Amino acid sequence: MATEMPMLAPKSYAPWIMNKATDYLRGDVAIKGGLTSCLKTVHLAESLQMNYEVHHGGNSLNNVAG
């Protein structure tokens, strides 16, 4: 797993996926551009038969959104 910190999901996942540099995707609402961006990334992972791990958002409000 190597995908928590690159910003601007879901586009930021492309190099990791194309180079087979990760086994699953990870993100949270605060870092990855909001709830909609995270949901798009979940669908991306699902379409590629990968798991998506929801990480904590850094504070209580972001955790609720995630």
PDB file of N, CA and C in Angstrom:
ATOM      1  N   MET A   1       0.848  -1.166   0.000  1.00  0.00           N
ATOM      2  CA  MET A   1       0.000   0.000   0.000  1.00  0.00           C
ATOM      3  C   MET A   1       0.890   1.225   0.000  1.00  0.00           C
ATOM      4  N   ALA A   2       0.648   2.112  -0.948  1.00  0.00           N
ATOM      5  CA  ALA A   2       1.524   3.274  -1.068  1.00  0.00           C
ATOM      6  C   ALA A   2       0.762   4.508  -1.526  1.00  0.00           C
ATOM      7  N   THR A   3      -0.512   4.581  -1.264  1.00  0.00           N
ATOM      8  CA  THR A   3      -1.295   5.623  -1.928  1.00  0.00           C
ATOM      9  C   THR A   3      -1.996   6.599  -0.996  1.00  0.00           C
ATOM     10  N   GLU A   4      -1.573   6.702   0.235  1.00  0.00           N
ATOM     11  CA  GLU A   4      -2.282   7.611   1.141  1.00  0.00           C
ATOM     12  C   GLU A   4      -1.980   9.076   0.859  1.00  0.00           C
ATOM     13  N   MET A   5      -0.744   9.435   0.634  1.00  0.00           N
ATOM     14  CA  MET A   5      -0.388  10.843   0.586  1.00  0.00           C
ATOM     15  C   MET A   5      -0.486  11.566  -0.763  1.00  0.00           C
ATOM     16  N   PRO A   6      -0.377  10.923  -1.909  1.00  0.00           N
ATOM     17  CA  PRO A   6      -0.534  11.722  -3.142  1.00  0.00           C
ATOM     18  C   PRO A   6      -1.886  12.433  -3.160  1.00  0.00           C
ATOM     19  N   MET A   7      -1.873  13.706  -3.472  1.00  0.00           N
ATOM     20  CA  MET A   7      -3.098  14.509  -3.444  1.00  0.00           C
ATOM     21  C   MET A   7      -3.897  14.346  -4.736  1.00  0.00           C
ATOM     22  N   LEU A   8      -5.081  14.907  -4.739  1.00  0.00           N
ATOM     23  CA  LEU A   8      -5.944  15.040  -5.919  1.00  0.00           C
ATOM     24  C   LEU A   8      -6.419  13.717  -6.505  1.00  0.00           C
ATOM     25  N   ALA A   9      -6.910  12.859  -5.659  1.00  0.00           N
ATOM     26  CA  ALA A   9      -7.492  11.597  -6.135  1.00  0.00           C
ATOM     27  C   ALA A   9      -8.705  11.902  -6.991  1.00  0.00           C
ATOM     28  N   PRO A  10      -9.130  11.061  -7.869  1.00  0.00           N
ATOM     29  CA  PRO A  10      -8.557   9.761  -8.170  1.00  0.00           C
ATOM     30  C   PRO A  10      -7.417   9.786  -9.183  1.00  0.00           C
ATOM     31  N   LYS A  11      -7.113  10.925  -9.797  1.00  0.00           N
ATOM     32  CA  LYS A  11      -6.046  10.980 -10.806  1.00  0.00           C
ATOM     33  C   LYS A  11      -4.683  10.593 -10.238  1.00  0.00           C
ATOM     34  N   SER A  12      -4.450  10.878  -8.984  1.00  0.00           N
ATOM     35  CA  SER A  12      -3.136  10.602  -8.399  1.00  0.00           C
ATOM     36  C   SER A  12      -2.851   9.113  -8.252  1.00  0.00           C
ATOM     37  N   TYR A  13      -3.862   8.275  -8.373  1.00  0.00           N
ATOM     38  CA  TYR A  13      -3.658   6.837  -8.239  1.00  0.00           C
ATOM     39  C   TYR A  13      -3.127   6.197  -9.517  1.00  0.00           C
ATOM     40  N   ALA A  14      -3.281   6.835 -10.648  1.00  0.00           N
ATOM     41  CA  ALA A  14      -2.936   6.228 -11.938  1.00  0.00           C
ATOM     42  C   ALA A  14      -1.509   5.689 -12.006  1.00  0.00           C
ATOM     43  N   PRO A  15      -0.478   6.464 -11.645  1.00  0.00           N
ATOM     44  CA  PRO A  15       0.892   5.919 -11.744  1.00  0.00           C
ATOM     45  C   PRO A  15       1.108   4.693 -10.861  1.00  0.00           C
ATOM     46  N   TRP A  16       0.506   4.693  -9.695  1.00  0.00           N
ATOM     47  CA  TRP A  16       0.653   3.565  -8.771  1.00  0.00           C
ATOM     48  C   TRP A  16       0.017   2.305  -9.356  1.00  0.00           C
ATOM     49  N   ILE A  17      -1.170   2.467  -9.942  1.00  0.00           N
ATOM     50  CA  ILE A  17      -1.884   1.325 -10.506  1.00  0.00           C
ATOM     51  C   ILE A  17      -1.186   0.819 -11.766  1.00  0.00           C
ATOM     52  N   MET A  18      -0.835   1.744 -12.652  1.00  0.00           N
ATOM     53  CA  MET A  18      -0.232   1.352 -13.932  1.00  0.00           C
ATOM     54  C   MET A  18       1.123   0.664 -13.759  1.00  0.00           C
ATOM     55  N   ASN A  19       1.864   1.046 -12.726  1.00  0.00           N
ATOM     56  CA  ASN A  19       3.178   0.445 -12.470  1.00  0.00           C
ATOM     57  C   ASN A  19       3.129  -0.705 -11.468  1.00  0.00           C
ATOM     58  N   LYS A  20       1.906  -1.091 -11.099  1.00  0.00           N
ATOM     59  CA  LYS A  20       1.705  -2.182 -10.135  1.00  0.00           C
ATOM     60  C   LYS A  20       2.521  -1.963  -8.863  1.00  0.00           C
ATOM     61  N   ALA A  21       2.510  -0.720  -8.397  1.00  0.00           N
ATOM     62  CA  ALA A  21       3.308  -0.335  -7.236  1.00  0.00           C
ATOM     63  C   ALA A  21       2.519  -0.412  -5.928  1.00  0.00           C
ATOM     64  N   THR A  22       1.281  -0.853  -5.990  1.00  0.00           N
ATOM     65  CA  THR A  22       0.472  -0.977  -4.785  1.00  0.00           C
ATOM     66  C   THR A  22      -0.497  -2.132  -4.935  1.00  0.00           C
ATOM     67  N   ASP A  23      -0.861  -2.709  -3.807  1.00  0.00           N
ATOM     68  CA  ASP A  23      -1.818  -3.817  -3.806  1.00  0.00           C
ATOM     69  C   ASP A  23      -3.246  -3.344  -3.568  1.00  0.00           C
ATOM     70  N   TYR A  24      -3.394  -2.195  -2.920  1.00  0.00           N
ATOM     71  CA  TYR A  24      -4.719  -1.646  -2.668  1.00  0.00           C
ATOM     72  C   TYR A  24      -4.617  -0.138  -2.552  1.00  0.00           C
ATOM     73  N   LEU A  25      -5.739   0.528  -2.553  1.00  0.00           N
ATOM     74  CA  LEU A  25      -5.773   1.987  -2.498  1.00  0.00           C
ATOM     75  C   LEU A  25      -6.234   2.449  -1.132  1.00  0.00           C
ATOM     76  N   ARG A  26      -5.795   3.643  -0.757  1.00  0.00           N
ATOM     77  CA  ARG A  26      -6.133   4.176   0.558  1.00  0.00           C
ATOM     78  C   ARG A  26      -6.310   5.676   0.449  1.00  0.00           C
ATOM     79  N   GLY A  27      -7.196   6.221   1.236  1.00  0.00           N
ATOM     80  CA  GLY A  27      -7.374   7.663   1.266  1.00  0.00           C
ATOM     81  C   GLY A  27      -8.312   8.092   2.369  1.00  0.00           C
ATOM     82  N   ASP A  28      -8.376   9.375   2.574  1.00  0.00           N
ATOM     83  CA  ASP A  28      -9.347   9.921   3.513  1.00  0.00           C
ATOM     84  C   ASP A  28      -9.898  11.227   2.972  1.00  0.00           C
ATOM     85  N   VAL A  29     -10.982  11.649   3.546  1.00  0.00           N
ATOM     86  CA  VAL A  29     -11.730  12.810   3.056  1.00  0.00           C
ATOM     87  C   VAL A  29     -10.885  14.078   3.072  1.00  0.00           C
ATOM     88  N   ALA A  30     -10.112  14.293   4.112  1.00  0.00           N
ATOM     89  CA  ALA A  30      -9.360  15.540   4.256  1.00  0.00           C
ATOM     90  C   ALA A  30      -8.220  15.665   3.250  1.00  0.00           C
ATOM     91  N   ILE A  31      -7.544  14.582   2.959  1.00  0.00           N
ATOM     92  CA  ILE A  31      -6.370  14.632   2.090  1.00  0.00           C
ATOM     93  C   ILE A  31      -6.720  14.456   0.620  1.00  0.00           C
ATOM     94  N   LYS A  32      -7.719  13.668   0.325  1.00  0.00           N
ATOM     95  CA  LYS A  32      -8.009  13.274  -1.054  1.00  0.00           C
ATOM     96  C   LYS A  32      -9.066  14.113  -1.764  1.00  0.00           C
ATOM     97  N   GLY A  33      -9.404  15.260  -1.256  1.00  0.00           N
ATOM     98  CA  GLY A  33     -10.274  16.151  -2.008  1.00  0.00           C
ATOM     99  C   GLY A  33     -11.755  16.064  -1.696  1.00  0.00           C
ATOM    100  N   GLY A  34     -12.113  15.461  -0.584  1.00  0.00           N
ATOM    101  CA  GLY A  34     -13.515  15.436  -0.188  1.00  0.00           C
ATOM    102  C   GLY A  34     -14.176  14.082  -0.365  1.00  0.00           C
ATOM    103  N   LEU A  35     -15.420  14.028   0.059  1.00  0.00           N
ATOM    104  CA  LEU A  35     -16.182  12.786   0.045  1.00  0.00           C
ATOM    105  C   LEU A  35     -16.421  12.278  -1.381  1.00  0.00           C
ATOM    106  N   THR A  36     -16.771  13.170  -2.304  1.00  0.00           N
ATOM    107  CA  THR A  36     -17.037  12.760  -3.682  1.00  0.00           C
ATOM    108  C   THR A  36     -15.801  12.140  -4.313  1.00  0.00           C
ATOM    109  N   SER A  37     -14.654  12.739  -4.092  1.00  0.00           N
ATOM    110  CA  SER A  37     -13.408  12.203  -4.631  1.00  0.00           C
ATOM    111  C   SER A  37     -13.120  10.819  -4.061  1.00  0.00           C
ATOM    112  N   CYS A  38     -13.356  10.651  -2.767  1.00  0.00           N
ATOM    113  CA  CYS A  38     -13.146   9.339  -2.151  1.00  0.00           C
ATOM    114  C   CYS A  38     -14.095   8.301  -2.737  1.00  0.00           C
ATOM    115  N   LEU A  39     -15.338   8.663  -2.954  1.00  0.00           N
ATOM    116  CA  LEU A  39     -16.298   7.722  -3.532  1.00  0.00           C
ATOM    117  C   LEU A  39     -15.903   7.334  -4.956  1.00  0.00           C
ATOM    118  N   LYS A  40     -15.410   8.278  -5.731  1.00  0.00           N
ATOM    119  CA  LYS A  40     -14.934   7.964  -7.083  1.00  0.00           C
ATOM    120  C   LYS A  40     -13.780   6.972  -7.019  1.00  0.00           C
ATOM    121  N   THR A  41     -12.916   7.153  -6.047  1.00  0.00           N
ATOM    122  CA  THR A  41     -11.766   6.277  -5.907  1.00  0.00           C
ATOM    123  C   THR A  41     -12.183   4.882  -5.449  1.00  0.00           C
ATOM    124  N   VAL A  42     -13.198   4.814  -4.597  1.00  0.00           N
ATOM    125  CA  VAL A  42     -13.738   3.513  -4.203  1.00  0.00           C
ATOM    126  C   VAL A  42     -14.250   2.774  -5.437  1.00  0.00           C
ATOM    127  N   HIS A  43     -14.953   3.479  -6.309  1.00  0.00           N
ATOM    128  CA  HIS A  43     -15.461   2.854  -7.535  1.00  0.00           C
ATOM    129  C   HIS A  43     -14.315   2.434  -8.459  1.00  0.00           C
ATOM    130  N   LEU A  44     -13.262   3.240  -8.521  1.00  0.00           N
ATOM    131  CA  LEU A  44     -12.090   2.881  -9.303  1.00  0.00           C
ATOM    132  C   LEU A  44     -11.481   1.582  -8.781  1.00  0.00           C
ATOM    133  N   ALA A  45     -11.282   1.518  -7.480  1.00  0.00           N
ATOM    134  CA  ALA A  45     -10.710   0.318  -6.872  1.00  0.00           C
ATOM    135  C   ALA A  45     -11.597  -0.898  -7.145  1.00  0.00           C
ATOM    136  N   GLU A  46     -12.880  -0.724  -6.991  1.00  0.00           N
ATOM    137  CA  GLU A  46     -13.814  -1.820  -7.232  1.00  0.00           C
ATOM    138  C   GLU A  46     -13.728  -2.314  -8.679  1.00  0.00           C
ATOM    139  N   SER A  47     -13.633  -1.387  -9.621  1.00  0.00           N
ATOM    140  CA  SER A  47     -13.576  -1.777 -11.029  1.00  0.00           C
ATOM    141  C   SER A  47     -12.286  -2.522 -11.371  1.00  0.00           C
ATOM    142  N   LEU A  48     -11.230  -2.281 -10.595  1.00  0.00           N
ATOM    143  CA  LEU A  48      -9.951  -2.954 -10.813  1.00  0.00           C
ATOM    144  C   LEU A  48      -9.761  -4.148  -9.881  1.00  0.00           C
ATOM    145  N   GLN A  49     -10.819  -4.519  -9.163  1.00  0.00           N
ATOM    146  CA  GLN A  49     -10.800  -5.613  -8.192  1.00  0.00           C
ATOM    147  C   GLN A  49      -9.713  -5.422  -7.138  1.00  0.00           C
ATOM    148  N   MET A  50      -9.604  -4.162  -6.671  1.00  0.00           N
ATOM    149  CA  MET A  50      -8.668  -3.822  -5.601  1.00  0.00           C
ATOM    150  C   MET A  50      -9.479  -3.418  -4.376  1.00  0.00           C
ATOM    151  N   ASN A  51      -8.876  -3.519  -3.216  1.00  0.00           N
ATOM    152  CA  ASN A  51      -9.503  -3.024  -1.997  1.00  0.00           C
ATOM    153  C   ASN A  51      -9.215  -1.541  -1.837  1.00  0.00           C
ATOM    154  N   TYR A  52     -10.107  -0.852  -1.139  1.00  0.00           N
ATOM    155  CA  TYR A  52      -9.912   0.558  -0.803  1.00  0.00           C
ATOM    156  C   TYR A  52     -10.053   0.699   0.708  1.00  0.00           C
ATOM    157  N   GLU A  53      -9.049   1.237   1.340  1.00  0.00           N
ATOM    158  CA  GLU A  53      -9.066   1.434   2.785  1.00  0.00           C
ATOM    159  C   GLU A  53      -9.384   2.887   3.091  1.00  0.00           C
ATOM    160  N   VAL A  54     -10.432   3.096   3.879  1.00  0.00           N
ATOM    161  CA  VAL A  54     -10.785   4.444   4.320  1.00  0.00           C
ATOM    162  C   VAL A  54      -9.941   4.742   5.544  1.00  0.00           C
ATOM    163  N   HIS A  55      -9.113   5.764   5.431  1.00  0.00           N
ATOM    164  CA  HIS A  55      -8.250   6.183   6.524  1.00  0.00           C
ATOM    165  C   HIS A  55      -8.959   7.268   7.318  1.00  0.00           C
ATOM    166  N   HIS A  56      -8.545   7.490   8.545  1.00  0.00           N
ATOM    167  CA  HIS A  56      -9.192   8.535   9.340  1.00  0.00           C
ATOM    168  C   HIS A  56      -8.917   9.906   8.750  1.00  0.00           C
ATOM    169  N   GLY A  57      -9.824  10.837   8.994  1.00  0.00           N
ATOM    170  CA  GLY A  57      -9.732  12.160   8.402  1.00  0.00           C
ATOM    171  C   GLY A  57      -8.941  13.171   9.190  1.00  0.00           C
ATOM    172  N   GLY A  58      -8.344  12.807  10.275  1.00  0.00           N
ATOM    173  CA  GLY A  58      -7.531  13.741  11.035  1.00  0.00           C
ATOM    174  C   GLY A  58      -8.290  14.503  12.109  1.00  0.00           C
ATOM    175  N   ASN A  59      -9.605  14.531  12.004  1.00  0.00           N
ATOM    176  CA  ASN A  59     -10.418  15.124  13.071  1.00  0.00           C
ATOM    177  C   ASN A  59     -11.802  14.496  13.041  1.00  0.00           C
ATOM    178  N   SER A  60     -12.590  14.750  14.051  1.00  0.00           N
ATOM    179  CA  SER A  60     -13.887  14.076  14.205  1.00  0.00           C
ATOM    180  C   SER A  60     -14.846  14.326  13.063  1.00  0.00           C
ATOM    181  N   LEU A  61     -14.925  15.559  12.555  1.00  0.00           N
ATOM    182  CA  LEU A  61     -15.862  15.855  11.467  1.00  0.00           C
ATOM    183  C   LEU A  61     -15.481  15.107  10.198  1.00  0.00           C
ATOM    184  N   ASN A  62     -14.211  15.042   9.881  1.00  0.00           N
ATOM    185  CA  ASN A  62     -13.783  14.281   8.706  1.00  0.00           C
ATOM    186  C   ASN A  62     -14.003  12.792   8.898  1.00  0.00           C
ATOM    187  N   ASN A  63     -13.849  12.293  10.111  1.00  0.00           N
ATOM    188  CA  ASN A  63     -14.102  10.883  10.371  1.00  0.00           C
ATOM    189  C   ASN A  63     -15.560  10.537  10.135  1.00  0.00           C
ATOM    190  N   VAL A  64     -16.474  11.406  10.520  1.00  0.00           N
ATOM    191  CA  VAL A  64     -17.895  11.184  10.296  1.00  0.00           C
ATOM    192  C   VAL A  64     -18.189  11.172   8.798  1.00  0.00           C
ATOM    193  N   ALA A  65     -17.591  12.085   8.035  1.00  0.00           N
ATOM    194  CA  ALA A  65     -17.810  12.152   6.591  1.00  0.00           C
ATOM    195  C   ALA A  65     -17.296  10.898   5.902  1.00  0.00           C
ATOM    196  N   GLY A  66     -16.187  10.347   6.394  1.00  0.00           N
ATOM    197  CA  GLY A  66     -15.596   9.165   5.782  1.00  0.00           C
ATOM    198  C   GLY A  66     -16.414   7.959   6.046  1.00  0.00           C
TER     199      GLY A  66
END
